[in-house]
């Protein structure tokens, strides 16, 4: 069974699931010609032998398939590779008429939100460092400075984006060394 990728649907299709794209049917016109030739030449003719061994067929579009018309057939190796790349966060696009995995274009707002979520987790996980009896005063100060850098991160990110620099250009603050 063949597998396909549809650019319009941005998804995979499988003939085992979505139905055969084409059906093989008896070619009635060719069959009629062979039968006429068989009657004309006798039962021992090549036409009669061919007719008994392998009736003529042709492919027709399957009207019941769920595979879109724009779907492109994939080899098993291409399908496995594309599926693996999708699981790594890439997206599929057509490149030179064939599906290819490309780095996903993540909107700046989404990138900023992801950094804020990471920052919030880092702040929450370091709350304990500011308890008066948790660390020495010097260590607590190091952690307080780190937490301030985390709180300043969104403003630094917005400034970088306004200046036309990518979000990745702003370094995430490293925690103090033990």
N, C-alpha and C. Protein backbone atom coordinates (compact mmCIF):
# COMPACT_ATOMS: atom_id res chain seq x y z
N UNK A 1 0.84 -1.18 0.00
CA UNK A 1 0.00 0.00 0.00
C UNK A 1 0.88 1.24 0.00
N UNK A 2 0.48 2.21 -0.77
CA UNK A 2 1.27 3.43 -0.93
C UNK A 2 0.90 4.46 0.13
N UNK A 3 1.87 5.36 0.38
CA UNK A 3 1.66 6.47 1.30
C UNK A 3 1.87 7.76 0.52
N UNK A 4 1.16 8.81 0.95
CA UNK A 4 1.15 10.06 0.23
C UNK A 4 1.26 11.23 1.20
N UNK A 5 1.68 12.39 0.66
CA UNK A 5 1.62 13.66 1.40
C UNK A 5 0.80 14.63 0.58
N UNK A 6 -0.16 15.29 1.23
CA UNK A 6 -1.00 16.28 0.56
C UNK A 6 -0.59 17.68 1.01
N UNK A 7 -0.08 18.51 0.09
CA UNK A 7 0.28 19.88 0.46
C UNK A 7 -0.92 20.71 0.91
N UNK A 8 -2.07 20.52 0.30
CA UNK A 8 -3.24 21.32 0.68
C UNK A 8 -3.74 20.97 2.08
N UNK A 9 -3.64 19.72 2.44
CA UNK A 9 -4.10 19.26 3.76
C UNK A 9 -2.96 19.22 4.78
N UNK A 10 -1.71 19.37 4.30
CA UNK A 10 -0.52 19.32 5.14
C UNK A 10 -0.51 18.07 6.01
N UNK A 11 -0.80 16.93 5.37
CA UNK A 11 -0.85 15.69 6.12
C UNK A 11 -0.54 14.48 5.26
N UNK A 12 -0.37 13.36 5.94
CA UNK A 12 -0.07 12.09 5.29
C UNK A 12 -1.36 11.32 5.04
N UNK A 13 -1.34 10.50 4.01
CA UNK A 13 -2.44 9.62 3.67
C UNK A 13 -1.88 8.26 3.32
N UNK A 14 -2.64 7.24 3.65
CA UNK A 14 -2.19 5.85 3.46
C UNK A 14 -3.33 5.10 2.78
N UNK A 15 -3.00 4.41 1.69
CA UNK A 15 -4.05 3.67 0.97
C UNK A 15 -4.70 2.61 1.84
N UNK A 16 -3.98 2.06 2.80
CA UNK A 16 -4.56 1.05 3.68
C UNK A 16 -5.65 1.65 4.57
N UNK A 17 -5.56 2.94 4.83
CA UNK A 17 -6.52 3.61 5.70
C UNK A 17 -7.54 4.41 4.90
N UNK A 18 -7.06 5.14 3.90
CA UNK A 18 -7.91 6.09 3.17
C UNK A 18 -8.44 5.57 1.84
N UNK A 19 -8.15 4.33 1.52
CA UNK A 19 -8.65 3.73 0.29
C UNK A 19 -7.65 3.86 -0.84
N UNK A 20 -7.68 2.88 -1.72
CA UNK A 20 -6.79 2.89 -2.88
C UNK A 20 -7.08 4.12 -3.73
N UNK A 21 -6.03 4.70 -4.26
CA UNK A 21 -6.20 5.85 -5.12
C UNK A 21 -6.72 5.43 -6.49
N UNK A 22 -6.25 4.27 -6.94
CA UNK A 22 -6.69 3.73 -8.23
C UNK A 22 -7.15 2.29 -8.05
N UNK A 23 -8.09 1.90 -8.87
CA UNK A 23 -8.59 0.53 -8.88
C UNK A 23 -8.20 -0.13 -10.20
N UNK A 24 -7.95 -1.42 -10.15
CA UNK A 24 -7.67 -2.17 -11.37
C UNK A 24 -8.96 -2.89 -11.75
N UNK A 25 -9.42 -2.61 -12.97
CA UNK A 25 -10.66 -3.22 -13.46
C UNK A 25 -10.39 -3.90 -14.79
N UNK A 26 -11.26 -4.83 -15.15
CA UNK A 26 -11.14 -5.50 -16.45
C UNK A 26 -11.42 -4.47 -17.54
N UNK A 27 -10.53 -4.43 -18.53
CA UNK A 27 -10.69 -3.52 -19.67
C UNK A 27 -11.64 -4.20 -20.65
N UNK A 28 -12.90 -3.82 -20.58
CA UNK A 28 -13.94 -4.49 -21.35
C UNK A 28 -13.70 -4.39 -22.85
N UNK A 29 -13.23 -3.25 -23.34
CA UNK A 29 -12.97 -3.09 -24.78
C UNK A 29 -11.89 -4.07 -25.25
N UNK A 30 -10.79 -4.14 -24.51
CA UNK A 30 -9.70 -5.05 -24.87
C UNK A 30 -10.16 -6.50 -24.74
N UNK A 31 -10.98 -6.78 -23.73
CA UNK A 31 -11.50 -8.14 -23.53
C UNK A 31 -12.38 -8.54 -24.71
N UNK A 32 -13.24 -7.64 -25.14
CA UNK A 32 -14.11 -7.92 -26.29
C UNK A 32 -13.29 -8.20 -27.55
N UNK A 33 -12.23 -7.43 -27.77
CA UNK A 33 -11.36 -7.65 -28.93
C UNK A 33 -10.69 -9.01 -28.86
N UNK A 34 -10.17 -9.38 -27.69
CA UNK A 34 -9.51 -10.67 -27.52
C UNK A 34 -10.50 -11.82 -27.72
N UNK A 35 -11.70 -11.67 -27.19
CA UNK A 35 -12.71 -12.72 -27.35
C UNK A 35 -13.08 -12.89 -28.82
N UNK A 36 -13.22 -11.78 -29.53
CA UNK A 36 -13.54 -11.85 -30.96
C UNK A 36 -12.41 -12.53 -31.73
N UNK A 37 -11.18 -12.17 -31.40
CA UNK A 37 -10.02 -12.77 -32.05
C UNK A 37 -9.93 -14.25 -31.72
N UNK A 38 -10.25 -14.61 -30.49
CA UNK A 38 -10.23 -16.01 -30.06
C UNK A 38 -11.26 -16.82 -30.86
N UNK A 39 -12.45 -16.28 -31.05
CA UNK A 39 -13.48 -16.97 -31.82
C UNK A 39 -13.07 -17.09 -33.28
N UNK A 40 -12.42 -16.06 -33.76
CA UNK A 40 -12.01 -16.02 -35.16
C UNK A 40 -10.87 -17.01 -35.44
N UNK A 41 -9.90 -17.10 -34.51
CA UNK A 41 -8.70 -17.90 -34.74
C UNK A 41 -8.79 -19.30 -34.13
N UNK A 42 -9.75 -19.52 -33.28
CA UNK A 42 -9.88 -20.84 -32.67
C UNK A 42 -9.30 -20.89 -31.26
N UNK A 43 -9.69 -21.92 -30.52
CA UNK A 43 -9.34 -22.04 -29.11
C UNK A 43 -7.85 -22.21 -28.84
N UNK A 44 -7.08 -22.62 -29.83
CA UNK A 44 -5.64 -22.83 -29.65
C UNK A 44 -4.82 -21.57 -29.95
N UNK A 45 -5.46 -20.48 -30.30
CA UNK A 45 -4.75 -19.26 -30.69
C UNK A 45 -4.10 -18.57 -29.49
N UNK A 46 -3.15 -17.70 -29.80
CA UNK A 46 -2.49 -16.91 -28.76
C UNK A 46 -3.50 -16.03 -28.02
N UNK A 47 -4.47 -15.52 -28.73
CA UNK A 47 -5.49 -14.66 -28.11
C UNK A 47 -6.25 -15.43 -27.05
N UNK A 48 -6.62 -16.68 -27.35
CA UNK A 48 -7.37 -17.49 -26.38
C UNK A 48 -6.49 -17.84 -25.17
N UNK A 49 -5.21 -18.13 -25.42
CA UNK A 49 -4.28 -18.45 -24.32
C UNK A 49 -4.13 -17.23 -23.40
N UNK A 50 -3.94 -16.04 -24.01
CA UNK A 50 -3.78 -14.82 -23.24
C UNK A 50 -5.05 -14.52 -22.45
N UNK A 51 -6.17 -14.73 -23.07
CA UNK A 51 -7.46 -14.48 -22.43
C UNK A 51 -7.66 -15.36 -21.21
N UNK A 52 -7.25 -16.63 -21.30
CA UNK A 52 -7.45 -17.56 -20.18
C UNK A 52 -6.43 -17.32 -19.06
N UNK A 53 -5.24 -16.81 -19.39
CA UNK A 53 -4.20 -16.61 -18.38
C UNK A 53 -4.29 -15.26 -17.68
N UNK A 54 -4.54 -14.24 -18.47
CA UNK A 54 -4.45 -12.89 -17.91
C UNK A 54 -5.40 -11.96 -18.65
N UNK A 55 -6.62 -11.81 -18.16
CA UNK A 55 -7.54 -10.91 -18.86
C UNK A 55 -7.01 -9.47 -18.83
N UNK A 56 -7.27 -8.69 -19.85
CA UNK A 56 -6.75 -7.32 -19.91
C UNK A 56 -7.40 -6.44 -18.82
N UNK A 57 -6.57 -5.61 -18.22
CA UNK A 57 -7.06 -4.70 -17.16
C UNK A 57 -6.59 -3.29 -17.44
N UNK A 58 -7.16 -2.36 -16.71
CA UNK A 58 -6.72 -0.96 -16.77
C UNK A 58 -6.98 -0.34 -15.40
N UNK A 59 -6.30 0.76 -15.12
CA UNK A 59 -6.46 1.46 -13.84
C UNK A 59 -7.45 2.59 -14.02
N UNK A 60 -8.29 2.77 -13.01
CA UNK A 60 -9.24 3.88 -12.99
C UNK A 60 -9.17 4.55 -11.62
N UNK A 61 -9.52 5.82 -11.59
CA UNK A 61 -9.55 6.52 -10.32
C UNK A 61 -10.62 5.91 -9.42
N UNK A 62 -10.28 5.77 -8.15
CA UNK A 62 -11.24 5.24 -7.18
C UNK A 62 -12.10 6.40 -6.68
N UNK A 63 -13.40 6.38 -6.97
CA UNK A 63 -14.25 7.50 -6.54
C UNK A 63 -14.44 7.55 -5.02
N UNK A 64 -14.14 6.45 -4.32
CA UNK A 64 -14.36 6.40 -2.87
C UNK A 64 -13.11 6.69 -2.05
N UNK A 65 -11.97 6.97 -2.69
CA UNK A 65 -10.75 7.24 -1.93
C UNK A 65 -10.88 8.56 -1.17
N UNK A 66 -10.22 8.63 -0.04
CA UNK A 66 -10.18 9.86 0.75
C UNK A 66 -8.85 10.60 0.55
N UNK A 67 -8.03 10.11 -0.37
CA UNK A 67 -6.74 10.73 -0.64
C UNK A 67 -6.95 11.91 -1.58
N UNK A 68 -6.52 13.11 -1.19
CA UNK A 68 -6.73 14.30 -2.03
C UNK A 68 -6.02 14.18 -3.38
N UNK A 69 -6.55 14.90 -4.36
CA UNK A 69 -5.98 14.86 -5.72
C UNK A 69 -4.54 15.37 -5.77
N UNK A 70 -4.18 16.30 -4.86
CA UNK A 70 -2.83 16.87 -4.91
C UNK A 70 -1.80 16.03 -4.16
N UNK A 71 -2.21 14.89 -3.63
CA UNK A 71 -1.30 14.06 -2.83
C UNK A 71 -0.16 13.51 -3.69
N UNK A 72 1.04 13.53 -3.11
CA UNK A 72 2.25 13.08 -3.78
C UNK A 72 2.68 11.76 -3.15
N UNK A 73 2.89 10.75 -3.98
CA UNK A 73 3.28 9.44 -3.46
C UNK A 73 4.70 9.50 -2.89
N UNK A 74 4.89 8.82 -1.75
CA UNK A 74 6.18 8.79 -1.07
C UNK A 74 6.72 7.36 -1.01
N UNK A 75 8.02 7.24 -1.09
CA UNK A 75 8.64 5.93 -0.84
C UNK A 75 8.57 5.67 0.67
N UNK A 76 8.73 4.44 1.08
CA UNK A 76 8.72 4.12 2.51
C UNK A 76 9.84 4.86 3.23
N UNK A 77 11.01 4.95 2.59
CA UNK A 77 12.16 5.63 3.21
C UNK A 77 11.87 7.13 3.38
N UNK A 78 11.29 7.77 2.35
CA UNK A 78 10.95 9.19 2.45
C UNK A 78 9.91 9.42 3.52
N UNK A 79 8.90 8.56 3.58
CA UNK A 79 7.84 8.68 4.58
C UNK A 79 8.43 8.59 5.99
N UNK A 80 9.29 7.60 6.24
CA UNK A 80 9.89 7.41 7.56
C UNK A 80 10.76 8.62 7.93
N UNK A 81 11.53 9.11 6.97
CA UNK A 81 12.40 10.27 7.24
C UNK A 81 11.59 11.51 7.56
N UNK A 82 10.55 11.78 6.77
CA UNK A 82 9.71 12.96 7.01
C UNK A 82 9.00 12.86 8.35
N UNK A 83 8.52 11.69 8.68
CA UNK A 83 7.83 11.49 9.95
C UNK A 83 8.78 11.76 11.12
N UNK A 84 10.02 11.30 11.00
CA UNK A 84 11.02 11.55 12.03
C UNK A 84 11.33 13.03 12.18
N UNK A 85 11.42 13.72 11.06
CA UNK A 85 11.72 15.15 11.10
C UNK A 85 10.56 15.94 11.70
N UNK A 86 9.34 15.50 11.43
CA UNK A 86 8.18 16.16 12.05
C UNK A 86 8.21 16.02 13.56
N UNK A 87 8.62 14.84 14.03
CA UNK A 87 8.67 14.62 15.48
C UNK A 87 9.75 15.46 16.15
N UNK A 88 10.67 16.02 15.35
CA UNK A 88 11.72 16.89 15.88
C UNK A 88 11.32 18.36 15.80
N UNK A 89 10.05 18.64 15.45
CA UNK A 89 9.56 20.01 15.44
C UNK A 89 9.61 20.72 14.11
N UNK A 90 10.04 20.04 13.06
CA UNK A 90 10.06 20.68 11.76
C UNK A 90 8.66 20.61 11.14
N UNK A 91 8.47 21.33 10.06
CA UNK A 91 7.19 21.27 9.35
C UNK A 91 7.44 20.90 7.90
N UNK A 92 6.39 20.41 7.25
CA UNK A 92 6.52 19.98 5.86
C UNK A 92 6.07 21.09 4.92
N UNK A 93 6.88 21.28 3.87
CA UNK A 93 6.55 22.22 2.80
C UNK A 93 7.00 21.59 1.50
N UNK A 94 6.47 22.10 0.40
CA UNK A 94 6.92 21.62 -0.91
C UNK A 94 8.19 22.37 -1.31
N UNK A 95 9.19 21.61 -1.68
CA UNK A 95 10.44 22.16 -2.19
C UNK A 95 10.71 21.46 -3.52
N UNK A 96 10.71 22.22 -4.59
CA UNK A 96 10.87 21.66 -5.93
C UNK A 96 9.83 20.58 -6.22
N UNK A 97 8.60 20.81 -5.77
CA UNK A 97 7.50 19.90 -6.05
C UNK A 97 7.45 18.64 -5.19
N UNK A 98 8.35 18.52 -4.22
CA UNK A 98 8.39 17.34 -3.34
C UNK A 98 8.28 17.81 -1.89
N UNK A 99 7.64 17.02 -1.03
CA UNK A 99 7.58 17.40 0.38
C UNK A 99 8.97 17.32 1.02
N UNK A 100 9.27 18.33 1.84
CA UNK A 100 10.55 18.37 2.54
C UNK A 100 10.32 18.97 3.92
N UNK A 101 11.09 18.51 4.89
CA UNK A 101 11.00 19.05 6.24
C UNK A 101 11.88 20.30 6.32
N UNK A 102 11.31 21.36 6.86
CA UNK A 102 12.04 22.61 7.02
C UNK A 102 11.85 23.11 8.45
N UNK A 103 12.77 23.94 8.89
CA UNK A 103 12.63 24.53 10.22
C UNK A 103 11.34 25.33 10.27
N UNK A 104 10.64 25.17 11.34
CA UNK A 104 9.36 25.84 11.52
C UNK A 104 9.59 27.33 11.80
N UNK A 105 8.86 28.18 11.11
CA UNK A 105 8.92 29.61 11.37
C UNK A 105 8.04 29.91 12.59
N UNK A 106 8.70 30.20 13.71
CA UNK A 106 7.97 30.47 14.94
C UNK A 106 7.81 31.97 15.08
N UNK A 107 6.57 32.46 15.17
CA UNK A 107 6.36 33.90 15.31
C UNK A 107 7.09 34.43 16.56
N UNK A 108 7.53 35.68 16.48
CA UNK A 108 8.28 36.29 17.58
C UNK A 108 7.47 36.25 18.87
N UNK A 109 6.17 36.49 18.79
CA UNK A 109 5.32 36.48 19.99
C UNK A 109 5.37 35.12 20.68
N UNK A 110 5.36 34.06 19.86
CA UNK A 110 5.42 32.70 20.41
C UNK A 110 6.78 32.43 21.05
N UNK A 111 7.85 32.92 20.41
CA UNK A 111 9.19 32.76 20.98
C UNK A 111 9.30 33.50 22.32
N UNK A 112 8.78 34.72 22.36
CA UNK A 112 8.82 35.50 23.61
C UNK A 112 8.02 34.82 24.71
N UNK A 113 6.87 34.27 24.36
CA UNK A 113 6.05 33.57 25.35
C UNK A 113 6.77 32.34 25.89
N UNK A 114 7.48 31.63 25.03
CA UNK A 114 8.22 30.44 25.47
C UNK A 114 9.34 30.83 26.43
N UNK A 115 10.04 31.93 26.12
CA UNK A 115 11.12 32.38 27.02
C UNK A 115 10.53 32.83 28.35
N UNK A 116 9.40 33.51 28.32
CA UNK A 116 8.76 33.94 29.59
C UNK A 116 8.35 32.73 30.43
N UNK A 117 7.82 31.70 29.78
CA UNK A 117 7.44 30.48 30.54
C UNK A 117 8.68 29.85 31.18
N UNK A 118 9.77 29.78 30.41
CA UNK A 118 11.02 29.23 30.95
C UNK A 118 11.51 30.09 32.11
N UNK A 119 11.45 31.41 31.94
CA UNK A 119 11.87 32.35 32.98
C UNK A 119 11.02 32.17 34.24
N UNK A 120 9.71 32.05 34.07
CA UNK A 120 8.82 31.88 35.23
C UNK A 120 9.12 30.59 35.99
N UNK A 121 9.41 29.51 35.25
CA UNK A 121 9.78 28.25 35.91
C UNK A 121 11.08 28.40 36.68
N UNK A 122 12.04 29.11 36.08
CA UNK A 122 13.33 29.32 36.76
C UNK A 122 13.15 30.15 38.02
N UNK A 123 12.33 31.19 37.95
CA UNK A 123 12.08 32.00 39.15
C UNK A 123 11.41 31.17 40.25
N UNK A 124 10.38 30.41 39.84
CA UNK A 124 9.66 29.60 40.84
C UNK A 124 10.57 28.57 41.48
N UNK A 125 11.48 28.01 40.70
CA UNK A 125 12.35 26.96 41.25
C UNK A 125 13.46 27.53 42.14
N UNK A 126 13.62 28.85 42.13
CA UNK A 126 14.67 29.46 42.97
C UNK A 126 14.09 30.29 44.11
N UNK A 127 12.79 30.25 44.32
CA UNK A 127 12.18 30.99 45.43
C UNK A 127 12.83 30.64 46.77
N UNK A 128 13.12 29.40 46.95
CA UNK A 128 13.67 28.92 48.23
C UNK A 128 14.99 29.59 48.57
N UNK A 129 15.74 30.07 47.57
CA UNK A 129 17.07 30.66 47.82
C UNK A 129 16.98 31.98 48.57
N UNK A 130 15.79 32.58 48.64
CA UNK A 130 15.64 33.87 49.29
C UNK A 130 15.12 33.76 50.73
N UNK A 131 14.97 32.55 51.21
CA UNK A 131 14.61 32.34 52.61
C UNK A 131 15.81 32.70 53.48
N UNK A 132 15.61 33.39 54.59
CA UNK A 132 16.74 33.87 55.40
C UNK A 132 17.65 32.76 55.92
N UNK A 133 17.11 31.59 56.18
CA UNK A 133 17.94 30.53 56.73
C UNK A 133 18.35 29.47 55.70
N UNK A 134 18.10 29.73 54.41
CA UNK A 134 18.39 28.72 53.38
C UNK A 134 19.86 28.73 52.97
N UNK A 135 20.46 29.90 52.87
CA UNK A 135 21.84 30.03 52.39
C UNK A 135 22.56 31.09 53.20
N UNK A 136 23.85 31.14 52.99
CA UNK A 136 24.60 32.23 53.60
C UNK A 136 24.18 33.54 52.93
N UNK A 137 24.46 34.65 53.56
CA UNK A 137 24.09 35.95 53.01
C UNK A 137 24.74 36.18 51.65
N UNK A 138 25.99 35.76 51.51
CA UNK A 138 26.71 35.94 50.24
C UNK A 138 26.07 35.11 49.13
N UNK A 139 25.73 33.85 49.42
CA UNK A 139 25.08 32.98 48.42
C UNK A 139 23.68 33.50 48.08
N UNK A 140 22.95 33.96 49.10
CA UNK A 140 21.60 34.48 48.87
C UNK A 140 21.68 35.70 47.95
N UNK A 141 22.72 36.53 48.10
CA UNK A 141 22.91 37.70 47.24
C UNK A 141 23.17 37.26 45.79
N UNK A 142 24.00 36.23 45.59
CA UNK A 142 24.25 35.71 44.23
C UNK A 142 22.94 35.27 43.58
N UNK A 143 22.12 34.56 44.35
CA UNK A 143 20.85 34.08 43.82
C UNK A 143 19.88 35.25 43.59
N UNK A 144 19.92 36.25 44.46
CA UNK A 144 19.06 37.43 44.27
C UNK A 144 19.44 38.15 42.97
N UNK A 145 20.74 38.25 42.69
CA UNK A 145 21.20 38.88 41.45
C UNK A 145 20.73 38.06 40.23
N UNK A 146 20.82 36.75 40.35
CA UNK A 146 20.36 35.88 39.26
C UNK A 146 18.86 36.06 39.03
N UNK A 147 18.10 36.12 40.11
CA UNK A 147 16.65 36.29 39.98
C UNK A 147 16.31 37.66 39.37
N UNK A 148 17.08 38.69 39.70
CA UNK A 148 16.86 40.01 39.10
C UNK A 148 17.12 39.94 37.59
N UNK A 149 18.19 39.23 37.20
CA UNK A 149 18.48 39.07 35.76
C UNK A 149 17.34 38.34 35.07
N UNK A 150 16.75 37.36 35.75
CA UNK A 150 15.60 36.65 35.17
C UNK A 150 14.40 37.60 35.02
N UNK A 151 14.17 38.43 36.04
CA UNK A 151 13.03 39.36 35.96
C UNK A 151 13.25 40.44 34.88
N UNK A 152 14.52 40.80 34.63
CA UNK A 152 14.84 41.81 33.61
C UNK A 152 14.80 41.24 32.19
N UNK A 153 14.75 39.93 32.07
CA UNK A 153 14.83 39.28 30.76
C UNK A 153 13.75 39.74 29.77
N UNK A 154 12.46 39.82 30.14
CA UNK A 154 11.45 40.25 29.15
C UNK A 154 11.75 41.62 28.54
N UNK A 155 12.21 42.58 29.37
CA UNK A 155 12.52 43.91 28.84
C UNK A 155 13.70 43.84 27.87
N UNK A 156 14.70 43.02 28.21
CA UNK A 156 15.86 42.86 27.31
C UNK A 156 15.43 42.24 25.99
N UNK A 157 14.51 41.26 26.06
CA UNK A 157 14.02 40.60 24.85
C UNK A 157 13.27 41.59 23.96
N UNK A 158 12.38 42.38 24.56
CA UNK A 158 11.62 43.35 23.78
C UNK A 158 12.53 44.38 23.13
N UNK A 159 13.56 44.81 23.86
CA UNK A 159 14.52 45.77 23.32
C UNK A 159 15.26 45.16 22.13
N UNK A 160 15.67 43.90 22.25
CA UNK A 160 16.38 43.22 21.16
C UNK A 160 15.49 43.09 19.93
N UNK A 161 14.23 42.69 20.14
CA UNK A 161 13.30 42.51 19.02
C UNK A 161 13.05 43.86 18.32
N UNK A 162 12.86 44.93 19.11
CA UNK A 162 12.65 46.25 18.52
C UNK A 162 13.86 46.70 17.71
N UNK A 163 15.04 46.25 18.13
CA UNK A 163 16.27 46.60 17.41
C UNK A 163 16.50 45.70 16.20
N UNK A 164 15.58 44.72 15.98
CA UNK A 164 15.69 43.85 14.82
C UNK A 164 16.58 42.64 15.05
N UNK A 165 16.97 42.39 16.29
CA UNK A 165 17.79 41.22 16.59
C UNK A 165 16.88 40.04 16.92
N UNK A 166 17.33 38.82 16.64
CA UNK A 166 16.51 37.65 16.95
C UNK A 166 16.41 37.41 18.46
N UNK A 167 15.37 36.73 18.87
CA UNK A 167 15.15 36.42 20.29
C UNK A 167 16.34 35.65 20.84
N UNK A 168 16.92 34.74 20.02
CA UNK A 168 18.05 33.92 20.49
C UNK A 168 19.29 34.74 20.80
N UNK A 169 19.33 36.02 20.38
CA UNK A 169 20.52 36.83 20.64
C UNK A 169 20.63 37.23 22.11
N UNK A 170 19.53 37.14 22.85
CA UNK A 170 19.55 37.46 24.27
C UNK A 170 19.82 36.18 25.05
N UNK A 171 20.90 36.20 25.81
CA UNK A 171 21.32 35.00 26.55
C UNK A 171 20.49 34.85 27.81
N UNK A 172 20.01 33.63 28.02
CA UNK A 172 19.26 33.30 29.23
C UNK A 172 20.26 33.28 30.40
N UNK A 173 19.94 33.94 31.51
CA UNK A 173 20.89 34.02 32.63
C UNK A 173 21.22 32.63 33.20
N UNK A 174 22.51 32.41 33.45
CA UNK A 174 22.95 31.17 34.07
C UNK A 174 22.85 31.30 35.59
N UNK A 175 22.44 30.24 36.26
CA UNK A 175 22.38 30.29 37.72
C UNK A 175 23.79 30.34 38.32
N UNK A 176 23.91 30.82 39.55
CA UNK A 176 25.23 30.86 40.19
C UNK A 176 25.81 29.45 40.32
N UNK A 177 27.12 29.38 40.25
CA UNK A 177 27.81 28.09 40.41
C UNK A 177 27.87 27.76 41.90
N UNK A 178 27.82 26.49 42.20
CA UNK A 178 27.92 26.05 43.61
C UNK A 178 29.31 26.15 44.13
